[in-house]
Amino acid sequence: MHSETMRRTGGRAMKSVLFDADTIAGRVRELGADITAAYPEGDLLVLGLLKGSFIFLGDLVRQIERPLQIDFIVASSYGRGTISSGQVRLLYDPETELAGKHIVLVEDIVDSGNTLRKLIALLEERRPRSLAVCALLNKVEHHEPMTALRFVGFEAPSAFLVGYGLDHAEDFRHLPFIADLM
């Protein structure tokens, strides 16, 4: 790999860069235009699912050309273990009122979709005007189709991906590209 990439990753090896910074930026511009067109009126709340979505969300909202509000949500289905409990707990609940608003839930990557499905059900109980998911990456073969998954940046391979907000043990989030970790 290029020496700059090795410096940014602390010398940790990656198989390859799957999506470079320019490719990501171009797709984020397209997603911003799609969201702008989909919501010509009404209150729009862009709700970031932390931590992985923070870089994507920051870039995305600057490409949405209409008034909007931003808030965050933190959810967990793991409790104290390493295997999902199947129960989703909100660790940080949005302070913004959700009822009557168009909500775009921003996610970094959809893998199994289990936590996301349960989170969508919890959010729908708050009576939003509409609810859609915008995911940077979608591992299509890992989950059943989801009607709420309306905006997708890229289909992702079945690999462990890092960069642009995606992490491995809290490392690699800062990288401006998405790579396959060895």
Protein backbone atom coordinates (compact mmCIF):
# COMPACT_ATOMS: atom_id res chain seq x y z
CA MET A 1 0.00 0.00 0.00
CA HIS A 2 0.97 3.61 -0.45
CA SER A 3 3.15 5.00 2.35
CA GLU A 4 0.57 7.69 3.24
CA THR A 5 -2.08 4.99 3.69
CA MET A 6 0.26 2.93 5.87
CA ARG A 7 0.97 6.01 8.01
CA ARG A 8 -2.75 6.74 8.45
CA THR A 9 -3.47 3.14 9.44
CA GLY A 10 -0.57 2.83 11.86
CA GLY A 11 1.05 0.32 9.53
CA ARG A 12 -1.88 -2.12 9.81
CA ALA A 13 -2.48 -3.95 6.57
CA MET A 14 -5.55 -3.78 4.37
CA LYS A 15 -6.36 -5.88 1.33
CA SER A 16 -7.51 -2.99 -0.82
CA VAL A 17 -9.25 0.36 -0.94
CA LEU A 18 -12.79 -0.35 -2.16
CA PHE A 19 -14.14 3.19 -2.31
CA ASP A 20 -11.75 6.13 -2.50
CA ALA A 21 -12.49 9.62 -1.16
CA ASP A 22 -13.53 11.04 -4.56
CA THR A 23 -15.92 8.15 -5.26
CA ILE A 24 -17.51 8.54 -1.82
CA ALA A 25 -17.86 12.32 -2.21
CA GLY A 26 -19.55 11.92 -5.60
CA ARG A 27 -22.04 9.38 -4.27
CA VAL A 28 -22.79 11.52 -1.18
CA ARG A 29 -23.61 14.46 -3.50
CA GLU A 30 -26.03 12.20 -5.41
CA LEU A 31 -27.67 10.98 -2.18
CA GLY A 32 -28.07 14.59 -0.99
CA ALA A 33 -29.81 15.49 -4.26
CA ASP A 34 -32.06 12.41 -3.97
CA ILE A 35 -33.08 13.32 -0.41
CA THR A 36 -33.66 16.96 -1.40
CA ALA A 37 -35.99 15.83 -4.21
CA ALA A 38 -37.81 13.27 -2.03
CA TYR A 39 -38.80 15.84 0.61
CA PRO A 40 -39.87 19.07 -1.09
CA GLU A 41 -41.88 20.23 1.93
CA GLY A 42 -42.49 19.47 5.57
CA ASP A 43 -40.13 19.24 8.52
CA LEU A 44 -37.10 17.07 7.78
CA LEU A 45 -35.07 15.49 10.58
CA VAL A 46 -31.81 13.75 9.70
CA LEU A 47 -31.15 11.31 12.52
CA GLY A 48 -27.63 9.88 12.73
CA LEU A 49 -27.07 6.45 14.25
CA LEU A 50 -23.85 6.81 16.22
CA LYS A 51 -20.99 6.22 16.13
CA GLY A 52 -20.36 4.95 12.63
CA SER A 53 -22.54 7.44 10.75
CA PHE A 54 -20.97 10.67 12.01
CA ILE A 55 -18.62 11.37 9.07
CA PHE A 56 -21.16 10.29 6.45
CA LEU A 57 -23.90 12.33 8.14
CA GLY A 58 -21.70 15.45 8.29
CA ASP A 59 -20.95 15.25 4.58
CA LEU A 60 -24.52 14.26 3.63
CA VAL A 61 -26.38 17.11 5.36
CA ARG A 62 -24.21 19.67 3.57
CA GLN A 63 -25.48 18.21 0.27
CA ILE A 64 -29.19 18.39 1.18
CA GLU A 65 -30.44 21.68 -0.24
CA ARG A 66 -33.40 22.38 2.01
CA PRO A 67 -33.98 23.29 5.67
CA LEU A 68 -33.48 20.38 8.07
CA GLN A 69 -32.80 19.48 11.65
CA ILE A 70 -30.11 17.09 12.88
CA ASP A 71 -30.13 14.83 15.91
CA PHE A 72 -28.50 11.57 16.91
CA ILE A 73 -29.48 8.23 18.33
CA VAL A 74 -27.37 5.55 20.01
CA ALA A 75 -28.78 2.05 20.17
CA SER A 76 -27.44 -1.21 21.55
CA SER A 77 -28.55 -4.80 21.21
CA TYR A 78 -25.53 -6.31 22.93
CA GLY A 79 -25.86 -5.41 26.59
CA ARG A 80 -22.73 -6.63 28.40
CA GLY A 81 -22.03 -9.54 26.05
CA THR A 82 -20.62 -9.97 22.57
CA ILE A 83 -23.70 -11.68 21.14
CA SER A 84 -26.80 -9.67 20.33
CA SER A 85 -29.55 -10.01 22.91
CA GLY A 86 -32.18 -9.33 20.26
CA GLN A 87 -33.52 -6.46 22.39
CA VAL A 88 -32.71 -2.92 21.24
CA ARG A 89 -32.04 -0.36 23.96
CA LEU A 90 -31.74 3.33 23.27
CA LEU A 91 -28.60 4.58 24.98
CA TYR A 92 -29.24 8.10 23.72
CA ASP A 93 -32.74 9.10 22.70
CA PRO A 94 -33.21 12.05 20.31
CA GLU A 95 -34.18 15.27 22.05
CA THR A 96 -36.04 16.47 18.96
CA GLU A 97 -39.78 15.79 18.65
CA LEU A 98 -40.28 13.07 16.01
CA ALA A 99 -44.06 13.17 15.53
CA GLY A 100 -45.18 14.62 12.20
CA LYS A 101 -41.68 14.95 10.73
CA HIS A 102 -40.03 13.28 7.78
CA ILE A 103 -37.19 11.29 9.35
CA VAL A 104 -34.16 10.07 7.45
CA LEU A 105 -32.22 7.67 9.68
CA VAL A 106 -28.56 7.71 8.60
CA GLU A 107 -26.58 4.49 9.05
CA ASP A 108 -23.01 3.66 8.03
CA ILE A 109 -23.57 0.03 7.03
CA VAL A 110 -26.50 -2.38 6.96
CA ASP A 111 -25.25 -5.89 7.70
CA SER A 112 -27.79 -8.34 9.17
CA GLY A 113 -30.38 -5.57 9.55
CA ASN A 114 -31.72 -7.01 12.83
CA THR A 115 -30.93 -4.02 15.05
CA LEU A 116 -32.03 -1.59 12.33
CA ARG A 117 -35.43 -3.32 11.95
CA LYS A 118 -36.08 -3.09 15.68
CA LEU A 119 -34.92 0.52 15.78
CA ILE A 120 -37.27 1.38 12.89
CA ALA A 121 -40.17 -0.16 14.82
CA LEU A 122 -39.27 1.93 17.90
CA LEU A 123 -39.10 5.12 15.82
CA GLU A 124 -42.39 4.38 14.03
CA GLU A 125 -44.10 4.34 17.46
CA ARG A 126 -43.22 8.06 17.69
CA ARG A 127 -45.58 8.77 14.74
CA PRO A 128 -43.26 10.42 12.20
CA ARG A 129 -44.82 11.69 8.96
CA SER A 130 -42.45 9.32 7.15
CA LEU A 131 -39.39 7.24 7.99
CA ALA A 132 -36.62 6.25 5.60
CA VAL A 133 -33.12 4.86 6.03
CA CYS A 134 -30.09 6.25 4.22
CA ALA A 135 -27.16 3.83 4.44
CA LEU A 136 -23.73 4.45 3.02
CA LEU A 137 -23.12 0.72 2.59
CA ASN A 138 -25.53 -2.19 2.21
CA LYS A 139 -24.51 -5.84 2.50
CA VAL A 140 -27.48 -6.99 0.43
CA GLU A 141 -26.83 -10.73 0.75
CA HIS A 142 -26.73 -10.53 4.57
CA HIS A 143 -30.33 -9.45 5.21
CA GLU A 144 -33.91 -9.63 3.99
CA PRO A 145 -35.14 -6.65 1.93
CA MET A 146 -36.27 -3.63 3.99
CA THR A 147 -38.81 -1.18 2.62
CA ALA A 148 -37.45 1.61 4.84
CA LEU A 149 -33.99 1.29 3.23
CA ARG A 150 -34.65 3.96 0.62
CA PHE A 151 -31.28 5.60 -0.01
CA VAL A 152 -28.11 3.50 -0.44
CA GLY A 153 -24.63 4.68 -1.29
CA PHE A 154 -22.98 1.43 -2.34
CA GLU A 155 -23.56 -2.29 -2.23
CA ALA A 156 -20.86 -3.69 0.04
CA PRO A 157 -19.01 -6.97 -0.31
CA SER A 158 -19.03 -9.58 2.41
CA ALA A 159 -15.83 -8.34 4.04
CA PHE A 160 -14.78 -6.45 7.15
CA LEU A 161 -14.73 -2.80 6.07
CA VAL A 162 -13.07 0.16 7.77
CA GLY A 163 -12.68 3.87 7.13
CA TYR A 164 -15.00 6.85 6.63
CA GLY A 165 -16.57 6.26 10.05
CA LEU A 166 -16.40 2.45 10.03
CA ASP A 167 -14.11 1.04 12.71
CA HIS A 168 -12.33 -1.99 14.03
CA ALA A 169 -12.03 -1.70 17.84
CA GLU A 170 -12.47 2.11 17.48
CA ASP A 171 -9.56 2.39 15.00
CA PHE A 172 -9.71 3.46 11.33
CA ARG A 173 -12.80 5.75 11.55
CA HIS A 174 -10.69 8.75 10.45
CA LEU A 175 -9.65 7.34 7.07
CA PRO A 176 -11.06 9.25 4.06
CA PHE A 177 -11.67 6.01 2.13
CA ILE A 178 -13.27 2.60 2.76
CA ALA A 179 -11.00 -0.42 2.74
CA ASP A 180 -11.16 -4.16 3.31
CA LEU A 181 -9.23 -5.00 6.48
CA MET A 182 -6.99 -8.08 6.37
